[in-house]
Amino acid sequence: MPSPEDLVLGADVAVRDFGGPGAPVLLLHGAGANLVSMQVLAQELSPRFRVVAVDLRGHGRSGDGPWEWETVLGDLEAVRDGLGLPEPIVAGWSLGGMIAALWAERHPRCPAAVSLDCRSSSHSTSCTRPTGAALRAGSPRRPRPIPVCGSSASTGPATRWSPNVPASSPG
């Protein structure tokens, strides 16, 4: 695998482009982290997807500025446009997972948005972490939330957004 390329785009957003042959995937870290936290997942996905990890505004090597949901979504649009990506799959954990859900809401043609948070669920005591198989490009239908089983100190079910998995599926 070629080494990933680090870029800072015009909107002062730092990204690491891991390349890959397939549909684009933007990986978003949680609050207080940076794009390095997504490196293992990026390397796992890059044989099948064009993977780009993003330093969110005010994190890592990205610039500071007003931190508002709309502004952060605009940063991701600048990444998409600056790299010439078609509508990407967006996946993240914690804060990144929330942003992925907001991206899907704003972009009805988003193939999938995935929250990688792993939380306890009344459905299971094991933790299922989505892998490349869970991130497959889908139809241009609007994504819908479905439960994902898991376990940790947090409470409440995690959510994965995808048009490809039936709502009754446990993940």
N, C-alpha and C. Protein backbone atom coordinates (compact mmCIF):
# COMPACT_ATOMS: atom_id res chain seq x y z
N MET A 1 0.85 -1.18 0.00
CA MET A 1 0.00 0.00 0.00
C MET A 1 0.89 1.23 0.00
N PRO A 2 0.61 2.21 -0.89
CA PRO A 2 1.41 3.43 -0.87
C PRO A 2 1.19 4.19 0.43
N SER A 3 2.15 5.00 0.81
CA SER A 3 1.99 5.73 2.06
C SER A 3 0.92 6.80 1.91
N PRO A 4 0.17 7.05 2.99
CA PRO A 4 -0.91 8.03 2.91
C PRO A 4 -0.36 9.43 2.67
N GLU A 5 -1.17 10.24 2.01
CA GLU A 5 -0.77 11.61 1.70
C GLU A 5 -1.49 12.57 2.65
N ASP A 6 -0.71 13.42 3.32
CA ASP A 6 -1.28 14.43 4.21
C ASP A 6 -1.44 15.74 3.45
N LEU A 7 -2.60 16.36 3.60
CA LEU A 7 -2.91 17.61 2.92
C LEU A 7 -3.58 18.56 3.89
N VAL A 8 -3.43 19.84 3.66
CA VAL A 8 -4.25 20.84 4.34
C VAL A 8 -4.96 21.58 3.22
N LEU A 9 -6.29 21.47 3.22
CA LEU A 9 -7.08 22.06 2.15
C LEU A 9 -7.35 23.53 2.42
N GLY A 10 -7.88 24.22 1.41
CA GLY A 10 -8.11 25.66 1.48
C GLY A 10 -8.89 26.12 2.69
N ALA A 11 -9.75 25.26 3.22
CA ALA A 11 -10.56 25.64 4.39
C ALA A 11 -9.78 25.39 5.68
N ASP A 12 -8.44 25.22 5.57
CA ASP A 12 -7.59 24.92 6.73
C ASP A 12 -8.02 23.64 7.42
N VAL A 13 -8.41 22.65 6.62
CA VAL A 13 -8.79 21.35 7.15
C VAL A 13 -7.70 20.36 6.76
N ALA A 14 -7.08 19.74 7.76
CA ALA A 14 -6.05 18.74 7.49
C ALA A 14 -6.70 17.39 7.25
N VAL A 15 -6.21 16.69 6.24
CA VAL A 15 -6.71 15.36 5.92
C VAL A 15 -5.52 14.44 5.64
N ARG A 16 -5.75 13.15 5.80
CA ARG A 16 -4.78 12.14 5.37
C ARG A 16 -5.50 11.25 4.38
N ASP A 17 -5.01 11.27 3.14
CA ASP A 17 -5.62 10.49 2.06
C ASP A 17 -4.91 9.14 1.97
N PHE A 18 -5.61 8.09 2.34
CA PHE A 18 -5.06 6.74 2.31
C PHE A 18 -5.24 6.09 0.94
N GLY A 19 -5.93 6.79 0.03
CA GLY A 19 -6.16 6.23 -1.29
C GLY A 19 -7.11 5.06 -1.24
N GLY A 20 -7.11 4.29 -2.30
CA GLY A 20 -7.98 3.13 -2.40
C GLY A 20 -8.81 3.19 -3.66
N PRO A 21 -9.28 2.03 -4.13
CA PRO A 21 -9.92 1.94 -5.43
C PRO A 21 -11.43 2.19 -5.47
N GLY A 22 -12.10 2.16 -4.35
CA GLY A 22 -13.56 2.14 -4.38
C GLY A 22 -14.22 3.46 -4.02
N ALA A 23 -15.45 3.33 -3.54
CA ALA A 23 -16.25 4.48 -3.12
C ALA A 23 -15.51 5.25 -2.02
N PRO A 24 -15.66 6.58 -2.00
CA PRO A 24 -14.96 7.37 -0.97
C PRO A 24 -15.59 7.22 0.41
N VAL A 25 -14.73 7.18 1.43
CA VAL A 25 -15.15 7.12 2.83
C VAL A 25 -14.41 8.22 3.57
N LEU A 26 -15.14 9.11 4.24
CA LEU A 26 -14.54 10.09 5.14
C LEU A 26 -14.60 9.53 6.55
N LEU A 27 -13.45 9.50 7.24
CA LEU A 27 -13.40 9.02 8.62
C LEU A 27 -13.22 10.20 9.55
N LEU A 28 -14.07 10.28 10.58
CA LEU A 28 -14.11 11.41 11.51
C LEU A 28 -13.85 10.93 12.93
N HIS A 29 -12.91 11.56 13.59
CA HIS A 29 -12.53 11.21 14.96
C HIS A 29 -13.47 11.83 15.98
N GLY A 30 -13.30 11.44 17.24
CA GLY A 30 -14.07 12.00 18.34
C GLY A 30 -13.43 13.27 18.89
N ALA A 31 -14.14 13.94 19.80
CA ALA A 31 -13.65 15.19 20.41
C ALA A 31 -12.34 14.93 21.14
N GLY A 32 -11.41 15.86 20.96
CA GLY A 32 -10.12 15.78 21.63
C GLY A 32 -9.12 14.87 20.96
N ALA A 33 -9.51 14.17 19.89
CA ALA A 33 -8.61 13.27 19.17
C ALA A 33 -8.17 13.94 17.87
N ASN A 34 -7.59 13.17 16.98
CA ASN A 34 -7.24 13.66 15.66
C ASN A 34 -7.30 12.51 14.66
N LEU A 35 -6.95 12.79 13.42
CA LEU A 35 -7.10 11.79 12.37
C LEU A 35 -6.24 10.55 12.58
N VAL A 36 -5.20 10.65 13.37
CA VAL A 36 -4.35 9.48 13.65
C VAL A 36 -5.16 8.37 14.33
N SER A 37 -6.19 8.75 15.09
CA SER A 37 -7.01 7.75 15.77
C SER A 37 -7.78 6.87 14.79
N MET A 38 -7.86 7.29 13.53
CA MET A 38 -8.58 6.52 12.51
C MET A 38 -7.65 5.72 11.62
N GLN A 39 -6.36 5.73 11.90
CA GLN A 39 -5.37 5.13 11.01
C GLN A 39 -5.56 3.63 10.81
N VAL A 40 -5.79 2.88 11.89
CA VAL A 40 -5.95 1.43 11.76
C VAL A 40 -7.18 1.10 10.90
N LEU A 41 -8.30 1.75 11.18
CA LEU A 41 -9.50 1.53 10.39
C LEU A 41 -9.27 1.93 8.94
N ALA A 42 -8.60 3.06 8.72
CA ALA A 42 -8.33 3.52 7.36
C ALA A 42 -7.51 2.49 6.59
N GLN A 43 -6.50 1.94 7.22
CA GLN A 43 -5.66 0.94 6.55
C GLN A 43 -6.45 -0.34 6.26
N GLU A 44 -7.38 -0.66 7.13
CA GLU A 44 -8.23 -1.83 6.94
C GLU A 44 -9.19 -1.63 5.77
N LEU A 45 -9.70 -0.42 5.59
CA LEU A 45 -10.69 -0.14 4.55
C LEU A 45 -10.08 0.20 3.20
N SER A 46 -8.85 0.72 3.17
CA SER A 46 -8.30 1.26 1.93
C SER A 46 -8.09 0.24 0.80
N PRO A 47 -8.01 -1.06 1.05
CA PRO A 47 -7.95 -1.97 -0.10
C PRO A 47 -9.26 -2.00 -0.91
N ARG A 48 -10.37 -1.57 -0.29
CA ARG A 48 -11.67 -1.60 -0.98
C ARG A 48 -12.30 -0.23 -1.20
N PHE A 49 -11.87 0.78 -0.44
CA PHE A 49 -12.48 2.10 -0.49
C PHE A 49 -11.42 3.18 -0.64
N ARG A 50 -11.78 4.32 -1.18
CA ARG A 50 -10.92 5.51 -1.17
C ARG A 50 -11.13 6.15 0.20
N VAL A 51 -10.15 6.07 1.07
CA VAL A 51 -10.31 6.47 2.46
C VAL A 51 -9.58 7.78 2.73
N VAL A 52 -10.30 8.72 3.35
CA VAL A 52 -9.74 10.00 3.74
C VAL A 52 -10.11 10.24 5.20
N ALA A 53 -9.09 10.36 6.06
CA ALA A 53 -9.32 10.71 7.46
C ALA A 53 -9.19 12.22 7.59
N VAL A 54 -10.03 12.81 8.42
CA VAL A 54 -10.12 14.27 8.54
C VAL A 54 -9.79 14.70 9.97
N ASP A 55 -8.97 15.75 10.11
CA ASP A 55 -8.83 16.43 11.40
C ASP A 55 -9.95 17.45 11.48
N LEU A 56 -10.89 17.25 12.38
CA LEU A 56 -11.99 18.21 12.52
C LEU A 56 -11.47 19.57 12.97
N ARG A 57 -12.21 20.58 12.69
CA ARG A 57 -11.89 21.95 13.08
C ARG A 57 -11.47 22.02 14.54
N GLY A 58 -10.34 22.68 14.79
CA GLY A 58 -9.84 22.84 16.15
C GLY A 58 -9.12 21.61 16.70
N HIS A 59 -8.89 20.62 15.87
CA HIS A 59 -8.22 19.38 16.27
C HIS A 59 -7.02 19.13 15.36
N GLY A 60 -6.04 18.41 15.89
CA GLY A 60 -4.90 18.02 15.07
C GLY A 60 -4.26 19.20 14.37
N ARG A 61 -4.07 19.07 13.06
CA ARG A 61 -3.43 20.12 12.28
C ARG A 61 -4.43 21.03 11.56
N SER A 62 -5.72 20.85 11.81
CA SER A 62 -6.71 21.75 11.22
C SER A 62 -6.74 23.06 11.97
N GLY A 63 -7.17 24.11 11.28
CA GLY A 63 -7.25 25.42 11.89
C GLY A 63 -8.36 25.54 12.91
N ASP A 64 -8.27 26.58 13.71
CA ASP A 64 -9.33 26.90 14.66
C ASP A 64 -10.35 27.78 13.98
N GLY A 65 -11.36 28.13 14.70
CA GLY A 65 -12.40 29.00 14.17
C GLY A 65 -13.68 28.72 14.92
N PRO A 66 -14.74 29.41 14.56
CA PRO A 66 -16.00 29.17 15.24
C PRO A 66 -16.41 27.71 15.09
N TRP A 67 -16.77 27.07 16.20
CA TRP A 67 -17.17 25.68 16.15
C TRP A 67 -18.69 25.61 16.22
N GLU A 68 -19.27 25.45 15.04
CA GLU A 68 -20.71 25.31 14.92
C GLU A 68 -20.97 24.14 13.98
N TRP A 69 -22.06 23.44 14.18
CA TRP A 69 -22.38 22.28 13.35
C TRP A 69 -22.33 22.62 11.86
N GLU A 70 -22.98 23.70 11.49
CA GLU A 70 -23.03 24.08 10.07
C GLU A 70 -21.65 24.35 9.51
N THR A 71 -20.79 24.99 10.30
CA THR A 71 -19.43 25.30 9.86
C THR A 71 -18.62 24.02 9.66
N VAL A 72 -18.76 23.08 10.59
CA VAL A 72 -18.03 21.81 10.48
C VAL A 72 -18.53 21.02 9.27
N LEU A 73 -19.84 21.00 9.03
CA LEU A 73 -20.37 20.34 7.84
C LEU A 73 -19.84 21.02 6.57
N GLY A 74 -19.70 22.35 6.62
CA GLY A 74 -19.11 23.08 5.50
C GLY A 74 -17.65 22.69 5.28
N ASP A 75 -16.92 22.44 6.37
CA ASP A 75 -15.54 21.97 6.25
C ASP A 75 -15.50 20.63 5.49
N LEU A 76 -16.42 19.73 5.82
CA LEU A 76 -16.44 18.44 5.14
C LEU A 76 -16.82 18.58 3.67
N GLU A 77 -17.71 19.52 3.37
CA GLU A 77 -18.03 19.78 1.97
C GLU A 77 -16.80 20.30 1.23
N ALA A 78 -15.99 21.14 1.91
CA ALA A 78 -14.74 21.63 1.30
C ALA A 78 -13.76 20.48 1.05
N VAL A 79 -13.71 19.51 1.96
CA VAL A 79 -12.86 18.34 1.77
C VAL A 79 -13.35 17.55 0.55
N ARG A 80 -14.65 17.27 0.52
CA ARG A 80 -15.22 16.52 -0.61
C ARG A 80 -14.91 17.22 -1.92
N ASP A 81 -15.19 18.52 -1.98
CA ASP A 81 -15.00 19.27 -3.21
C ASP A 81 -13.51 19.42 -3.54
N GLY A 82 -12.69 19.69 -2.54
CA GLY A 82 -11.26 19.90 -2.76
C GLY A 82 -10.56 18.65 -3.28
N LEU A 83 -11.05 17.47 -2.89
CA LEU A 83 -10.45 16.22 -3.36
C LEU A 83 -11.20 15.65 -4.57
N GLY A 84 -12.26 16.35 -4.98
CA GLY A 84 -13.02 15.89 -6.14
C GLY A 84 -13.72 14.56 -5.91
N LEU A 85 -14.22 14.35 -4.70
CA LEU A 85 -14.87 13.08 -4.36
C LEU A 85 -16.35 13.12 -4.73
N PRO A 86 -16.88 11.99 -5.22
CA PRO A 86 -18.34 11.90 -5.31
C PRO A 86 -18.89 11.81 -3.89
N GLU A 87 -20.19 11.77 -3.75
CA GLU A 87 -20.82 11.74 -2.42
C GLU A 87 -20.21 10.62 -1.59
N PRO A 88 -19.56 10.95 -0.44
CA PRO A 88 -18.86 9.92 0.33
C PRO A 88 -19.74 9.23 1.37
N ILE A 89 -19.31 8.03 1.74
CA ILE A 89 -19.75 7.38 2.96
C ILE A 89 -19.05 8.15 4.08
N VAL A 90 -19.72 8.41 5.19
CA VAL A 90 -19.09 9.14 6.29
C VAL A 90 -19.21 8.28 7.55
N ALA A 91 -18.09 8.07 8.22
CA ALA A 91 -18.07 7.23 9.43
C ALA A 91 -17.25 7.92 10.50
N GLY A 92 -17.68 7.81 11.74
CA GLY A 92 -16.92 8.41 12.83
C GLY A 92 -17.34 7.83 14.17
N TRP A 93 -16.55 8.15 15.18
CA TRP A 93 -16.86 7.74 16.54
C TRP A 93 -17.08 8.99 17.39
N SER A 94 -17.94 8.86 18.38
CA SER A 94 -18.24 9.95 19.30
C SER A 94 -18.69 11.19 18.52
N LEU A 95 -17.99 12.30 18.67
CA LEU A 95 -18.33 13.52 17.94
C LEU A 95 -18.38 13.25 16.44
N GLY A 96 -17.42 12.48 15.93
CA GLY A 96 -17.41 12.15 14.51
C GLY A 96 -18.64 11.39 14.06
N GLY A 97 -19.17 10.52 14.93
CA GLY A 97 -20.40 9.80 14.62
C GLY A 97 -21.60 10.72 14.56
N MET A 98 -21.63 11.70 15.45
CA MET A 98 -22.73 12.69 15.40
C MET A 98 -22.67 13.50 14.11
N ILE A 99 -21.46 13.89 13.73
CA ILE A 99 -21.30 14.66 12.49
C ILE A 99 -21.69 13.81 11.29
N ALA A 100 -21.35 12.51 11.31
CA ALA A 100 -21.73 11.62 10.21
C ALA A 100 -23.25 11.58 10.06
N ALA A 101 -23.98 11.50 11.18
CA ALA A 101 -25.44 11.49 11.12
C ALA A 101 -25.99 12.80 10.57
N LEU A 102 -25.40 13.92 10.98
CA LEU A 102 -25.83 15.22 10.46
C LEU A 102 -25.54 15.34 8.97
N TRP A 103 -24.38 14.81 8.55
CA TRP A 103 -24.03 14.82 7.12
C TRP A 103 -25.11 14.07 6.32
N ALA A 104 -25.49 12.89 6.79
CA ALA A 104 -26.50 12.09 6.09
C ALA A 104 -27.84 12.82 6.02
N GLU A 105 -28.17 13.53 7.08
CA GLU A 105 -29.42 14.29 7.09
C GLU A 105 -29.38 15.42 6.06
N ARG A 106 -28.23 16.07 5.93
CA ARG A 106 -28.08 17.19 5.01
C ARG A 106 -27.90 16.72 3.56
N HIS A 107 -27.36 15.52 3.36
CA HIS A 107 -27.05 15.00 2.03
C HIS A 107 -27.86 13.72 1.77
N PRO A 108 -29.07 13.84 1.24
CA PRO A 108 -29.93 12.68 1.05
C PRO A 108 -29.33 11.60 0.15
N ARG A 109 -28.35 11.95 -0.67
CA ARG A 109 -27.72 10.95 -1.55
C ARG A 109 -26.50 10.29 -0.91
N CYS A 110 -26.27 10.59 0.36
CA CYS A 110 -25.15 9.96 1.09
C CYS A 110 -25.37 8.45 1.09
N PRO A 111 -24.40 7.67 0.58
CA PRO A 111 -24.60 6.22 0.52
C PRO A 111 -24.76 5.56 1.89
N ALA A 112 -24.03 6.06 2.90
CA ALA A 112 -24.14 5.52 4.25
C ALA A 112 -23.42 6.44 5.21
N ALA A 113 -23.91 6.49 6.44
CA ALA A 113 -23.23 7.19 7.52
C ALA A 113 -23.20 6.23 8.69
N VAL A 114 -22.02 6.06 9.30
CA VAL A 114 -21.83 5.04 10.32
C VAL A 114 -21.31 5.66 11.60
N SER A 115 -21.99 5.39 12.72
CA SER A 115 -21.46 5.76 14.02
C SER A 115 -20.76 4.53 14.57
N LEU A 116 -19.47 4.66 14.85
CA LEU A 116 -18.67 3.52 15.32
C LEU A 116 -18.70 3.39 16.83
N ASP A 117 -19.53 4.17 17.52
CA ASP A 117 -19.64 4.06 18.97
C ASP A 117 -20.17 2.69 19.33
N CYS A 118 -19.66 2.16 20.41
CA CYS A 118 -20.06 0.84 20.86
C CYS A 118 -20.66 1.00 22.25
N ARG A 119 -21.93 0.75 22.38
CA ARG A 119 -22.61 0.96 23.65
C ARG A 119 -23.39 -0.28 24.03
N SER A 120 -23.80 -0.34 25.28
CA SER A 120 -24.57 -1.49 25.72
C SER A 120 -25.96 -1.45 25.10
N SER A 121 -26.54 -2.62 24.98
CA SER A 121 -27.85 -2.75 24.38
C SER A 121 -28.58 -3.90 25.05
N SER A 122 -29.88 -3.79 25.16
CA SER A 122 -30.65 -4.89 25.73
C SER A 122 -30.65 -6.09 24.79
N HIS A 123 -30.22 -5.90 23.53
CA HIS A 123 -30.24 -6.98 22.54
C HIS A 123 -29.03 -7.89 22.63
N SER A 124 -27.91 -7.44 23.20
CA SER A 124 -26.70 -8.23 23.17
C SER A 124 -25.72 -7.76 24.23
N THR A 125 -24.85 -8.65 24.65
CA THR A 125 -23.79 -8.27 25.58
C THR A 125 -22.44 -8.21 24.89
N SER A 126 -22.39 -8.52 23.61
CA SER A 126 -21.12 -8.46 22.88
C SER A 126 -21.02 -7.16 22.12
N CYS A 127 -19.81 -6.79 21.80
CA CYS A 127 -19.58 -5.54 21.07
C CYS A 127 -19.30 -5.86 19.61
N THR A 128 -20.12 -5.35 18.74
CA THR A 128 -19.92 -5.54 17.31
C THR A 128 -19.38 -4.24 16.75
N ARG A 129 -18.16 -4.27 16.25
CA ARG A 129 -17.56 -3.09 15.65
C ARG A 129 -17.66 -3.21 14.14
N PRO A 130 -18.32 -2.26 13.49
CA PRO A 130 -18.45 -2.34 12.04
C PRO A 130 -17.08 -2.40 11.37
N THR A 131 -16.97 -3.20 10.32
CA THR A 131 -15.74 -3.31 9.56
C THR A 131 -16.04 -2.90 8.13
N GLY A 132 -15.11 -3.16 7.25
CA GLY A 132 -15.30 -2.81 5.85
C GLY A 132 -16.59 -3.38 5.28
N ALA A 133 -16.99 -4.57 5.73
CA ALA A 133 -18.21 -5.18 5.23
C ALA A 133 -19.44 -4.35 5.61
N ALA A 134 -19.36 -3.64 6.74
CA ALA A 134 -20.50 -2.82 7.17
C ALA A 134 -20.55 -1.50 6.42
N LEU A 135 -19.45 -1.14 5.75
CA LEU A 135 -19.39 0.12 5.02
C LEU A 135 -19.44 -0.15 3.53
N ARG A 136 -20.59 -0.48 3.03
CA ARG A 136 -20.68 -0.72 1.60
C ARG A 136 -21.56 0.34 0.98
N ALA A 137 -21.16 0.80 -0.19
CA ALA A 137 -21.92 1.84 -0.87
C ALA A 137 -23.31 1.30 -1.20
N GLY A 138 -24.30 2.11 -1.00
CA GLY A 138 -25.67 1.68 -1.22
C GLY A 138 -26.38 2.52 -2.25
N SER A 139 -27.66 2.41 -2.26
CA SER A 139 -28.48 3.17 -3.18
C SER A 139 -28.56 4.61 -2.71
N PRO A 140 -29.01 5.51 -3.57
CA PRO A 140 -29.09 6.91 -3.17
C PRO A 140 -30.28 7.23 -2.27
N ARG A 141 -30.94 6.20 -1.71
CA ARG A 141 -32.04 6.46 -0.79
C ARG A 141 -31.52 7.13 0.48
N ARG A 142 -32.40 7.85 1.14
CA ARG A 142 -32.04 8.51 2.40
C ARG A 142 -31.72 7.46 3.47
N PRO A 143 -30.57 7.55 4.14
CA PRO A 143 -30.23 6.58 5.18
C PRO A 143 -31.21 6.64 6.33
N ARG A 144 -31.37 5.52 7.04
CA ARG A 144 -32.23 5.48 8.22
C ARG A 144 -31.44 4.83 9.36
N PRO A 145 -31.77 5.18 10.60
CA PRO A 145 -31.02 4.60 11.71
C PRO A 145 -31.46 3.17 11.97
N ILE A 146 -30.50 2.32 12.33
CA ILE A 146 -30.81 0.97 12.76
C ILE A 146 -29.97 0.67 13.98
N PRO A 147 -30.45 -0.18 14.89
CA PRO A 147 -29.67 -0.45 16.10
C PRO A 147 -28.44 -1.30 15.81
N VAL A 148 -27.39 -1.05 16.56
CA VAL A 148 -26.18 -1.85 16.51
C VAL A 148 -25.93 -2.32 17.94
N CYS A 149 -25.68 -3.62 18.12
CA CYS A 149 -25.46 -4.11 19.47
C CYS A 149 -24.06 -3.76 19.94
N GLY A 150 -23.85 -3.79 21.23
CA GLY A 150 -22.52 -3.50 21.75
C GLY A 150 -22.52 -3.51 23.26
N SER A 151 -21.33 -3.28 23.86
CA SER A 151 -21.24 -3.19 25.30
C SER A 151 -20.13 -2.25 25.70
N SER A 152 -20.40 -1.41 26.67
CA SER A 152 -19.41 -0.54 27.29
C SER A 152 -20.09 0.10 28.49
N ALA A 153 -19.40 1.03 29.11
CA ALA A 153 -19.99 1.69 30.28
C ALA A 153 -21.13 2.62 29.88
N SER A 154 -21.19 3.03 28.62
CA SER A 154 -22.25 3.92 28.16
C SER A 154 -23.57 3.18 28.11
N THR A 155 -24.64 3.91 28.09
CA THR A 155 -25.95 3.28 27.97
C THR A 155 -26.62 3.74 26.70
N GLY A 156 -27.60 2.98 26.26
CA GLY A 156 -28.35 3.32 25.07
C GLY A 156 -27.74 2.66 23.84
N PRO A 157 -28.58 2.34 22.86
CA PRO A 157 -28.08 1.65 21.68
C PRO A 157 -27.26 2.60 20.80
N ALA A 158 -26.24 2.06 20.17
CA ALA A 158 -25.49 2.81 19.17
C ALA A 158 -26.34 2.81 17.90
N THR A 159 -26.03 3.67 16.98
CA THR A 159 -26.79 3.75 15.74
C THR A 159 -25.85 3.71 14.56
N ARG A 160 -26.21 2.91 13.58
CA ARG A 160 -25.48 2.90 12.31
C ARG A 160 -26.49 3.36 11.26
N TRP A 161 -26.08 4.25 10.39
CA TRP A 161 -26.97 4.76 9.35
C TRP A 161 -26.63 4.06 8.05
N SER A 162 -27.57 3.38 7.46
CA SER A 162 -27.32 2.73 6.19
C SER A 162 -28.64 2.39 5.51
N PRO A 163 -28.72 2.59 4.21
CA PRO A 163 -29.93 2.19 3.50
C PRO A 163 -29.91 0.71 3.16
N ASN A 164 -28.81 0.01 3.41
CA ASN A 164 -28.65 -1.36 2.95
C ASN A 164 -29.05 -2.43 3.96
N VAL A 165 -29.23 -2.08 5.21
CA VAL A 165 -29.51 -3.08 6.23
C VAL A 165 -30.93 -2.88 6.75
N PRO A 166 -31.74 -3.93 6.77
CA PRO A 166 -33.12 -3.79 7.23
C PRO A 166 -33.16 -3.28 8.67
N ALA A 167 -34.18 -2.49 8.98
CA ALA A 167 -34.30 -1.89 10.31
C ALA A 167 -34.39 -2.94 11.40
N SER A 168 -34.84 -4.16 11.07
CA SER A 168 -34.95 -5.19 12.09
C SER A 168 -33.63 -5.91 12.36
N SER A 169 -32.61 -5.64 11.55
CA SER A 169 -31.33 -6.31 11.71
C SER A 169 -30.60 -5.80 12.96
N PRO A 170 -30.01 -6.70 13.76
CA PRO A 170 -29.28 -6.26 14.95
C PRO A 170 -27.91 -5.72 14.62
N GLY A 171 -27.47 -5.67 13.39
CA GLY A 171 -26.20 -5.07 13.06
C GLY A 171 -25.34 -5.98 12.31
